[in-house]
Amino acid sequence: MRILVDADACPVIRIVEQAAKEKNIPVILLCDTNHVLNSDYSEVKVIGAGSDAVDFALVNQCQKGDIVVTQDYGVAAMILGKGAYGIHQSGKWYTNQNIDQMLMERHLAKKARMGKGKHHLKGPAQRTEEDDLRFAESFEKLIQEAGEKFRA
């Protein structure tokens, strides 16, 4: 079991690394050339800056039993198909039971944005300490569940 992180602008990298380090789980941070990262614990892989290059590299490297941290629903759908576990930076788990609904919501939101008229959508709300705690708790549970199935 490894943890792969879609690390471009990911706000939970340090939480992921701390939890992984405590359990001696390898972490791979994937980023494009515009978001070069440094880490004392994780392996950092810098991928070309092409559109979706990091996403495709992450899916290609992902294996059954890995945990993937991403906010991209498309990436989540592909890694679930490979038998991996997925978690959003909010702490929500991606599952075979909820991914179709999430993809449909993404499609409808994009369709609404592309519709007539001007849409001034706000960006995401400022991340809070509570958001980090919620992610950390959910991530710990996912590591535990994945680890139990990995050992079985």
N, C-alpha and C. Protein backbone atom coordinates (compact mmCIF):
# COMPACT_ATOMS: atom_id res chain seq x y z
N MET A 1 0.84 -1.18 0.00
CA MET A 1 0.00 0.00 0.00
C MET A 1 0.89 1.24 0.00
N ARG A 2 0.51 2.18 -0.88
CA ARG A 2 1.17 3.47 -0.95
C ARG A 2 0.10 4.55 -0.95
N ILE A 3 0.53 5.77 -0.73
CA ILE A 3 -0.38 6.91 -0.82
C ILE A 3 0.14 7.80 -1.94
N LEU A 4 -0.73 8.08 -2.90
CA LEU A 4 -0.40 8.96 -4.01
C LEU A 4 -1.24 10.22 -3.86
N VAL A 5 -0.61 11.37 -4.04
CA VAL A 5 -1.31 12.64 -3.85
C VAL A 5 -1.24 13.46 -5.12
N ASP A 6 -2.40 13.87 -5.61
CA ASP A 6 -2.51 14.83 -6.69
C ASP A 6 -2.18 16.17 -6.03
N ALA A 7 -0.89 16.52 -6.02
CA ALA A 7 -0.39 17.54 -5.11
C ALA A 7 -0.47 18.97 -5.63
N ASP A 8 -0.90 19.18 -6.85
CA ASP A 8 -1.03 20.55 -7.35
C ASP A 8 -2.07 21.29 -6.51
N ALA A 9 -1.62 22.27 -5.77
CA ALA A 9 -2.48 23.11 -4.92
C ALA A 9 -3.27 22.29 -3.89
N CYS A 10 -2.72 21.21 -3.42
CA CYS A 10 -3.39 20.36 -2.43
C CYS A 10 -3.10 20.89 -1.01
N PRO A 11 -4.14 21.24 -0.26
CA PRO A 11 -3.93 21.83 1.06
C PRO A 11 -3.67 20.83 2.19
N VAL A 12 -3.71 19.52 1.91
CA VAL A 12 -3.61 18.53 2.99
C VAL A 12 -2.34 17.69 2.92
N ILE A 13 -1.36 18.13 2.17
CA ILE A 13 -0.13 17.34 2.01
C ILE A 13 0.52 17.05 3.35
N ARG A 14 0.67 18.03 4.20
CA ARG A 14 1.35 17.83 5.49
C ARG A 14 0.57 16.86 6.38
N ILE A 15 -0.74 16.91 6.34
CA ILE A 15 -1.56 15.98 7.13
C ILE A 15 -1.34 14.56 6.62
N VAL A 16 -1.33 14.40 5.30
CA VAL A 16 -1.11 13.09 4.68
C VAL A 16 0.26 12.55 5.08
N GLU A 17 1.28 13.39 4.97
CA GLU A 17 2.64 12.95 5.29
C GLU A 17 2.77 12.56 6.76
N GLN A 18 2.17 13.33 7.65
CA GLN A 18 2.25 13.03 9.08
C GLN A 18 1.63 11.67 9.38
N ALA A 19 0.43 11.43 8.85
CA ALA A 19 -0.25 10.16 9.09
C ALA A 19 0.53 9.00 8.48
N ALA A 20 1.06 9.19 7.29
CA ALA A 20 1.81 8.13 6.60
C ALA A 20 3.11 7.82 7.33
N LYS A 21 3.77 8.85 7.79
CA LYS A 21 5.05 8.67 8.49
C LYS A 21 4.86 7.85 9.76
N GLU A 22 3.77 8.12 10.49
CA GLU A 22 3.48 7.38 11.72
C GLU A 22 3.29 5.89 11.45
N LYS A 23 2.79 5.56 10.26
CA LYS A 23 2.50 4.16 9.92
C LYS A 23 3.50 3.59 8.92
N ASN A 24 4.53 4.37 8.61
CA ASN A 24 5.57 3.93 7.69
C ASN A 24 5.02 3.53 6.32
N ILE A 25 4.12 4.36 5.79
CA ILE A 25 3.52 4.13 4.48
C ILE A 25 4.18 5.09 3.48
N PRO A 26 4.69 4.58 2.37
CA PRO A 26 5.32 5.48 1.40
C PRO A 26 4.31 6.44 0.76
N VAL A 27 4.76 7.66 0.51
CA VAL A 27 3.92 8.69 -0.12
C VAL A 27 4.61 9.19 -1.38
N ILE A 28 3.82 9.34 -2.43
CA ILE A 28 4.32 9.93 -3.68
C ILE A 28 3.47 11.17 -3.96
N LEU A 29 4.13 12.31 -4.07
CA LEU A 29 3.48 13.56 -4.41
C LEU A 29 3.70 13.81 -5.89
N LEU A 30 2.63 13.95 -6.65
CA LEU A 30 2.74 14.22 -8.07
C LEU A 30 2.31 15.65 -8.33
N CYS A 31 3.15 16.42 -9.01
CA CYS A 31 2.82 17.81 -9.31
C CYS A 31 3.35 18.16 -10.69
N ASP A 32 2.84 19.25 -11.24
CA ASP A 32 3.36 19.68 -12.54
C ASP A 32 4.49 20.68 -12.33
N THR A 33 5.07 21.12 -13.41
CA THR A 33 6.24 21.99 -13.31
C THR A 33 5.91 23.37 -12.75
N ASN A 34 4.63 23.69 -12.64
CA ASN A 34 4.22 24.98 -12.07
C ASN A 34 4.07 24.92 -10.55
N HIS A 35 4.10 23.75 -9.96
CA HIS A 35 3.89 23.57 -8.52
C HIS A 35 4.97 22.68 -7.92
N VAL A 36 6.21 22.98 -8.15
CA VAL A 36 7.29 22.14 -7.66
C VAL A 36 7.30 22.14 -6.13
N LEU A 37 7.38 20.95 -5.56
CA LEU A 37 7.32 20.77 -4.11
C LEU A 37 8.61 20.16 -3.59
N ASN A 38 8.82 20.32 -2.30
CA ASN A 38 9.92 19.67 -1.59
C ASN A 38 9.34 18.93 -0.40
N SER A 39 9.93 17.81 -0.06
CA SER A 39 9.45 17.04 1.08
C SER A 39 10.60 16.27 1.70
N ASP A 40 10.59 16.20 3.02
CA ASP A 40 11.57 15.40 3.74
C ASP A 40 11.15 13.94 3.82
N TYR A 41 9.87 13.66 3.57
CA TYR A 41 9.36 12.30 3.72
C TYR A 41 8.95 11.68 2.38
N SER A 42 8.21 12.41 1.59
CA SER A 42 7.61 11.86 0.37
C SER A 42 8.56 11.88 -0.82
N GLU A 43 8.29 10.97 -1.74
CA GLU A 43 8.94 11.03 -3.06
C GLU A 43 8.14 12.04 -3.88
N VAL A 44 8.83 13.00 -4.47
CA VAL A 44 8.17 14.02 -5.28
C VAL A 44 8.45 13.72 -6.75
N LYS A 45 7.37 13.61 -7.53
CA LYS A 45 7.51 13.37 -8.97
C LYS A 45 6.93 14.58 -9.69
N VAL A 46 7.79 15.26 -10.43
CA VAL A 46 7.37 16.43 -11.20
C VAL A 46 7.05 15.95 -12.61
N ILE A 47 5.82 16.20 -13.02
CA ILE A 47 5.31 15.74 -14.31
C ILE A 47 5.23 16.94 -15.24
N GLY A 48 5.36 16.73 -16.52
CA GLY A 48 5.25 17.83 -17.49
C GLY A 48 3.98 18.64 -17.29
N ALA A 49 4.00 19.86 -17.77
CA ALA A 49 2.91 20.80 -17.50
C ALA A 49 1.73 20.66 -18.46
N GLY A 50 1.64 19.62 -19.23
CA GLY A 50 0.54 19.45 -20.16
C GLY A 50 -0.80 19.30 -19.44
N SER A 51 -1.85 19.58 -20.16
CA SER A 51 -3.19 19.48 -19.60
C SER A 51 -3.45 18.05 -19.12
N ASP A 52 -3.80 17.91 -17.87
CA ASP A 52 -4.11 16.62 -17.24
C ASP A 52 -2.93 15.67 -17.15
N ALA A 53 -1.73 16.13 -17.37
CA ALA A 53 -0.55 15.26 -17.34
C ALA A 53 -0.39 14.61 -15.97
N VAL A 54 -0.57 15.38 -14.92
CA VAL A 54 -0.43 14.84 -13.56
C VAL A 54 -1.51 13.80 -13.31
N ASP A 55 -2.72 14.09 -13.74
CA ASP A 55 -3.83 13.15 -13.54
C ASP A 55 -3.54 11.80 -14.19
N PHE A 56 -3.09 11.83 -15.43
CA PHE A 56 -2.81 10.57 -16.14
C PHE A 56 -1.62 9.84 -15.52
N ALA A 57 -0.61 10.57 -15.09
CA ALA A 57 0.54 9.94 -14.45
C ALA A 57 0.11 9.27 -13.14
N LEU A 58 -0.73 9.95 -12.39
CA LEU A 58 -1.20 9.39 -11.12
C LEU A 58 -1.98 8.10 -11.36
N VAL A 59 -2.90 8.13 -12.31
CA VAL A 59 -3.70 6.94 -12.60
C VAL A 59 -2.81 5.81 -13.10
N ASN A 60 -1.83 6.12 -13.92
CA ASN A 60 -0.92 5.09 -14.43
C ASN A 60 -0.08 4.45 -13.33
N GLN A 61 0.32 5.22 -12.33
CA GLN A 61 1.15 4.70 -11.26
C GLN A 61 0.35 4.01 -10.16
N CYS A 62 -0.92 4.31 -10.09
CA CYS A 62 -1.79 3.77 -9.04
C CYS A 62 -1.96 2.26 -9.21
N GLN A 63 -1.95 1.57 -8.07
CA GLN A 63 -2.14 0.11 -8.07
C GLN A 63 -3.24 -0.25 -7.08
N LYS A 64 -3.74 -1.46 -7.23
CA LYS A 64 -4.77 -1.96 -6.32
C LYS A 64 -4.27 -1.84 -4.87
N GLY A 65 -5.13 -1.30 -4.01
CA GLY A 65 -4.80 -1.16 -2.60
C GLY A 65 -4.17 0.18 -2.23
N ASP A 66 -3.74 0.97 -3.23
CA ASP A 66 -3.18 2.28 -2.94
C ASP A 66 -4.29 3.23 -2.47
N ILE A 67 -3.88 4.29 -1.80
CA ILE A 67 -4.79 5.36 -1.41
C ILE A 67 -4.41 6.58 -2.24
N VAL A 68 -5.40 7.22 -2.85
CA VAL A 68 -5.16 8.39 -3.68
C VAL A 68 -5.92 9.58 -3.09
N VAL A 69 -5.19 10.69 -2.93
CA VAL A 69 -5.79 11.94 -2.47
C VAL A 69 -5.91 12.86 -3.69
N THR A 70 -7.14 13.19 -4.06
CA THR A 70 -7.38 14.05 -5.22
C THR A 70 -8.71 14.76 -5.06
N GLN A 71 -8.81 15.92 -5.68
CA GLN A 71 -10.10 16.59 -5.70
C GLN A 71 -10.77 16.43 -7.07
N ASP A 72 -10.15 15.66 -7.95
CA ASP A 72 -10.65 15.46 -9.31
C ASP A 72 -11.51 14.19 -9.36
N TYR A 73 -12.79 14.37 -9.63
CA TYR A 73 -13.72 13.24 -9.66
C TYR A 73 -13.39 12.26 -10.78
N GLY A 74 -12.90 12.77 -11.92
CA GLY A 74 -12.52 11.88 -13.02
C GLY A 74 -11.37 10.97 -12.63
N VAL A 75 -10.36 11.53 -11.97
CA VAL A 75 -9.24 10.72 -11.48
C VAL A 75 -9.77 9.70 -10.48
N ALA A 76 -10.66 10.13 -9.59
CA ALA A 76 -11.22 9.24 -8.58
C ALA A 76 -11.92 8.05 -9.24
N ALA A 77 -12.69 8.30 -10.28
CA ALA A 77 -13.40 7.21 -10.97
C ALA A 77 -12.40 6.21 -11.56
N MET A 78 -11.32 6.71 -12.12
CA MET A 78 -10.35 5.81 -12.75
C MET A 78 -9.58 4.99 -11.72
N ILE A 79 -9.24 5.59 -10.58
CA ILE A 79 -8.47 4.82 -9.59
C ILE A 79 -9.37 3.80 -8.89
N LEU A 80 -10.65 4.12 -8.74
CA LEU A 80 -11.58 3.13 -8.17
C LEU A 80 -11.65 1.91 -9.07
N GLY A 81 -11.62 2.14 -10.37
CA GLY A 81 -11.64 1.04 -11.34
C GLY A 81 -10.41 0.15 -11.24
N LYS A 82 -9.33 0.66 -10.67
CA LYS A 82 -8.11 -0.12 -10.50
C LYS A 82 -8.04 -0.79 -9.13
N GLY A 83 -9.09 -0.60 -8.31
CA GLY A 83 -9.09 -1.22 -6.99
C GLY A 83 -8.39 -0.42 -5.92
N ALA A 84 -8.18 0.87 -6.17
CA ALA A 84 -7.56 1.75 -5.19
C ALA A 84 -8.63 2.46 -4.37
N TYR A 85 -8.20 3.14 -3.33
CA TYR A 85 -9.08 3.92 -2.48
C TYR A 85 -8.88 5.39 -2.80
N GLY A 86 -9.95 6.17 -2.72
CA GLY A 86 -9.82 7.59 -3.01
C GLY A 86 -10.45 8.44 -1.93
N ILE A 87 -9.83 9.60 -1.70
CA ILE A 87 -10.35 10.54 -0.72
C ILE A 87 -10.15 11.96 -1.25
N HIS A 88 -11.17 12.79 -1.06
CA HIS A 88 -11.13 14.20 -1.43
C HIS A 88 -10.49 14.99 -0.29
N GLN A 89 -9.95 16.14 -0.57
CA GLN A 89 -9.33 16.96 0.47
C GLN A 89 -10.32 17.42 1.54
N SER A 90 -11.61 17.26 1.28
CA SER A 90 -12.63 17.56 2.29
C SER A 90 -12.77 16.42 3.29
N GLY A 91 -12.24 15.25 2.94
CA GLY A 91 -12.37 14.07 3.78
C GLY A 91 -13.40 13.09 3.26
N LYS A 92 -14.13 13.47 2.23
CA LYS A 92 -15.15 12.58 1.65
C LYS A 92 -14.45 11.46 0.87
N TRP A 93 -14.87 10.24 1.13
CA TRP A 93 -14.31 9.09 0.42
C TRP A 93 -15.01 8.96 -0.93
N TYR A 94 -14.24 8.59 -1.93
CA TYR A 94 -14.81 8.22 -3.22
C TYR A 94 -15.06 6.72 -3.15
N THR A 95 -16.27 6.30 -3.53
CA THR A 95 -16.61 4.89 -3.53
C THR A 95 -17.33 4.53 -4.82
N ASN A 96 -17.43 3.25 -5.07
CA ASN A 96 -18.19 2.80 -6.24
C ASN A 96 -19.66 3.16 -6.10
N GLN A 97 -20.11 3.39 -4.87
CA GLN A 97 -21.51 3.73 -4.64
C GLN A 97 -21.80 5.21 -4.86
N ASN A 98 -20.81 6.09 -4.74
CA ASN A 98 -21.11 7.52 -4.87
C ASN A 98 -20.46 8.21 -6.07
N ILE A 99 -19.56 7.55 -6.76
CA ILE A 99 -18.80 8.24 -7.81
C ILE A 99 -19.67 8.63 -9.00
N ASP A 100 -20.64 7.81 -9.39
CA ASP A 100 -21.49 8.18 -10.52
C ASP A 100 -22.28 9.45 -10.23
N GLN A 101 -22.81 9.55 -9.02
CA GLN A 101 -23.56 10.75 -8.62
C GLN A 101 -22.65 11.98 -8.62
N MET A 102 -21.43 11.82 -8.13
CA MET A 102 -20.49 12.95 -8.09
C MET A 102 -20.12 13.40 -9.51
N LEU A 103 -19.90 12.45 -10.40
CA LEU A 103 -19.59 12.79 -11.79
C LEU A 103 -20.77 13.49 -12.46
N MET A 104 -21.98 13.06 -12.17
CA MET A 104 -23.17 13.69 -12.75
C MET A 104 -23.31 15.12 -12.23
N GLU A 105 -23.09 15.32 -10.94
CA GLU A 105 -23.17 16.67 -10.38
C GLU A 105 -22.12 17.58 -11.01
N ARG A 106 -20.92 17.05 -11.23
CA ARG A 106 -19.87 17.84 -11.88
C ARG A 106 -20.29 18.22 -13.29
N HIS A 107 -20.86 17.27 -14.02
CA HIS A 107 -21.32 17.53 -15.39
C HIS A 107 -22.40 18.60 -15.41
N LEU A 108 -23.37 18.49 -14.52
CA LEU A 108 -24.46 19.46 -14.49
C LEU A 108 -23.97 20.85 -14.10
N ALA A 109 -23.02 20.91 -13.18
CA ALA A 109 -22.47 22.21 -12.77
C ALA A 109 -21.72 22.85 -13.94
N LYS A 110 -20.97 22.04 -14.68
CA LYS A 110 -20.25 22.58 -15.84
C LYS A 110 -21.23 23.05 -16.90
N LYS A 111 -22.27 22.29 -17.11
CA LYS A 111 -23.29 22.65 -18.09
C LYS A 111 -23.95 23.98 -17.72
N ALA A 112 -24.23 24.16 -16.43
CA ALA A 112 -24.84 25.41 -15.96
C ALA A 112 -23.90 26.59 -16.17
N ARG A 113 -22.61 26.37 -15.93
CA ARG A 113 -21.63 27.44 -16.13
C ARG A 113 -21.52 27.84 -17.59
N MET A 114 -21.69 26.87 -18.47
CA MET A 114 -21.55 27.12 -19.90
C MET A 114 -22.83 27.71 -20.50
N GLY A 115 -23.90 27.73 -19.73
CA GLY A 115 -25.19 28.23 -20.21
C GLY A 115 -25.17 29.71 -20.48
N LYS A 116 -26.34 30.22 -20.83
CA LYS A 116 -26.47 31.64 -21.16
C LYS A 116 -26.21 32.52 -19.94
N GLY A 117 -25.81 33.72 -20.22
CA GLY A 117 -25.62 34.70 -19.16
C GLY A 117 -24.26 34.60 -18.52
N LYS A 118 -23.96 35.59 -17.72
CA LYS A 118 -22.69 35.61 -17.02
C LYS A 118 -22.86 34.98 -15.65
N HIS A 119 -21.92 34.17 -15.31
CA HIS A 119 -21.94 33.52 -14.01
C HIS A 119 -20.66 33.89 -13.28
N HIS A 120 -20.81 34.53 -12.18
CA HIS A 120 -19.64 34.89 -11.37
C HIS A 120 -19.61 33.96 -10.17
N LEU A 121 -18.95 32.84 -10.34
CA LEU A 121 -18.88 31.87 -9.28
C LEU A 121 -17.75 32.22 -8.33
N LYS A 122 -18.02 32.10 -7.08
CA LYS A 122 -16.99 32.31 -6.07
C LYS A 122 -16.09 31.09 -6.05
N GLY A 123 -14.86 31.30 -5.64
CA GLY A 123 -13.94 30.19 -5.45
C GLY A 123 -14.30 29.46 -4.17
N PRO A 124 -13.51 28.47 -3.81
CA PRO A 124 -13.79 27.73 -2.58
C PRO A 124 -13.61 28.61 -1.35
N ALA A 125 -14.35 28.27 -0.32
CA ALA A 125 -14.24 29.02 0.94
C ALA A 125 -12.84 28.83 1.53
N GLN A 126 -12.42 29.79 2.32
CA GLN A 126 -11.12 29.70 3.00
C GLN A 126 -11.08 28.42 3.84
N ARG A 127 -10.01 27.66 3.74
CA ARG A 127 -9.87 26.42 4.49
C ARG A 127 -9.68 26.73 5.97
N THR A 128 -10.37 25.97 6.81
CA THR A 128 -10.31 26.21 8.25
C THR A 128 -9.60 25.06 8.96
N GLU A 129 -9.27 25.29 10.21
CA GLU A 129 -8.68 24.24 11.03
C GLU A 129 -9.65 23.07 11.18
N GLU A 130 -10.93 23.39 11.23
CA GLU A 130 -11.97 22.35 11.32
C GLU A 130 -11.95 21.46 10.07
N ASP A 131 -11.74 22.07 8.90
CA ASP A 131 -11.63 21.30 7.65
C ASP A 131 -10.46 20.32 7.73
N ASP A 132 -9.34 20.82 8.25
CA ASP A 132 -8.15 19.97 8.38
C ASP A 132 -8.39 18.81 9.35
N LEU A 133 -9.07 19.09 10.46
CA LEU A 133 -9.37 18.03 11.43
C LEU A 133 -10.31 16.99 10.84
N ARG A 134 -11.31 17.45 10.10
CA ARG A 134 -12.26 16.53 9.47
C ARG A 134 -11.53 15.63 8.46
N PHE A 135 -10.63 16.23 7.66
CA PHE A 135 -9.86 15.43 6.71
C PHE A 135 -8.98 14.42 7.44
N ALA A 136 -8.26 14.88 8.45
CA ALA A 136 -7.32 14.00 9.18
C ALA A 136 -8.04 12.80 9.77
N GLU A 137 -9.20 13.03 10.36
CA GLU A 137 -9.97 11.94 10.97
C GLU A 137 -10.44 10.95 9.90
N SER A 138 -10.97 11.46 8.81
CA SER A 138 -11.45 10.60 7.73
C SER A 138 -10.30 9.84 7.08
N PHE A 139 -9.16 10.51 6.91
CA PHE A 139 -7.98 9.89 6.30
C PHE A 139 -7.45 8.76 7.17
N GLU A 140 -7.40 8.97 8.47
CA GLU A 140 -6.96 7.91 9.40
C GLU A 140 -7.86 6.68 9.28
N LYS A 141 -9.16 6.90 9.19
CA LYS A 141 -10.10 5.78 9.06
C LYS A 141 -9.88 5.05 7.74
N LEU A 142 -9.62 5.80 6.67
CA LEU A 142 -9.40 5.18 5.37
C LEU A 142 -8.11 4.35 5.38
N ILE A 143 -7.06 4.88 5.99
CA ILE A 143 -5.81 4.12 6.10
C ILE A 143 -6.05 2.82 6.86
N GLN A 144 -6.81 2.90 7.93
CA GLN A 144 -7.10 1.71 8.72
C GLN A 144 -7.88 0.68 7.89
N GLU A 145 -8.91 1.14 7.19
CA GLU A 145 -9.72 0.21 6.38
C GLU A 145 -8.89 -0.38 5.25
N ALA A 146 -8.14 0.45 4.56
CA ALA A 146 -7.31 -0.04 3.45
C ALA A 146 -6.26 -1.01 3.96
N GLY A 147 -5.67 -0.71 5.10
CA GLY A 147 -4.65 -1.58 5.68
C GLY A 147 -5.20 -2.94 6.07
N GLU A 148 -6.42 -2.96 6.61
CA GLU A 148 -7.04 -4.24 7.00
C GLU A 148 -7.30 -5.08 5.76
N LYS A 149 -7.79 -4.48 4.69
CA LYS A 149 -8.06 -5.22 3.46
C LYS A 149 -6.76 -5.62 2.76
N PHE A 150 -5.74 -4.77 2.88
CA PHE A 150 -4.44 -5.04 2.25
C PHE A 150 -3.79 -6.25 2.89
N ARG A 151 -3.91 -6.37 4.21
CA ARG A 151 -3.31 -7.51 4.93
C ARG A 151 -4.11 -8.79 4.76
N ALA A 152 -5.39 -8.66 4.43
CA ALA A 152 -6.26 -9.86 4.31
C ALA A 152 -5.95 -10.67 3.08
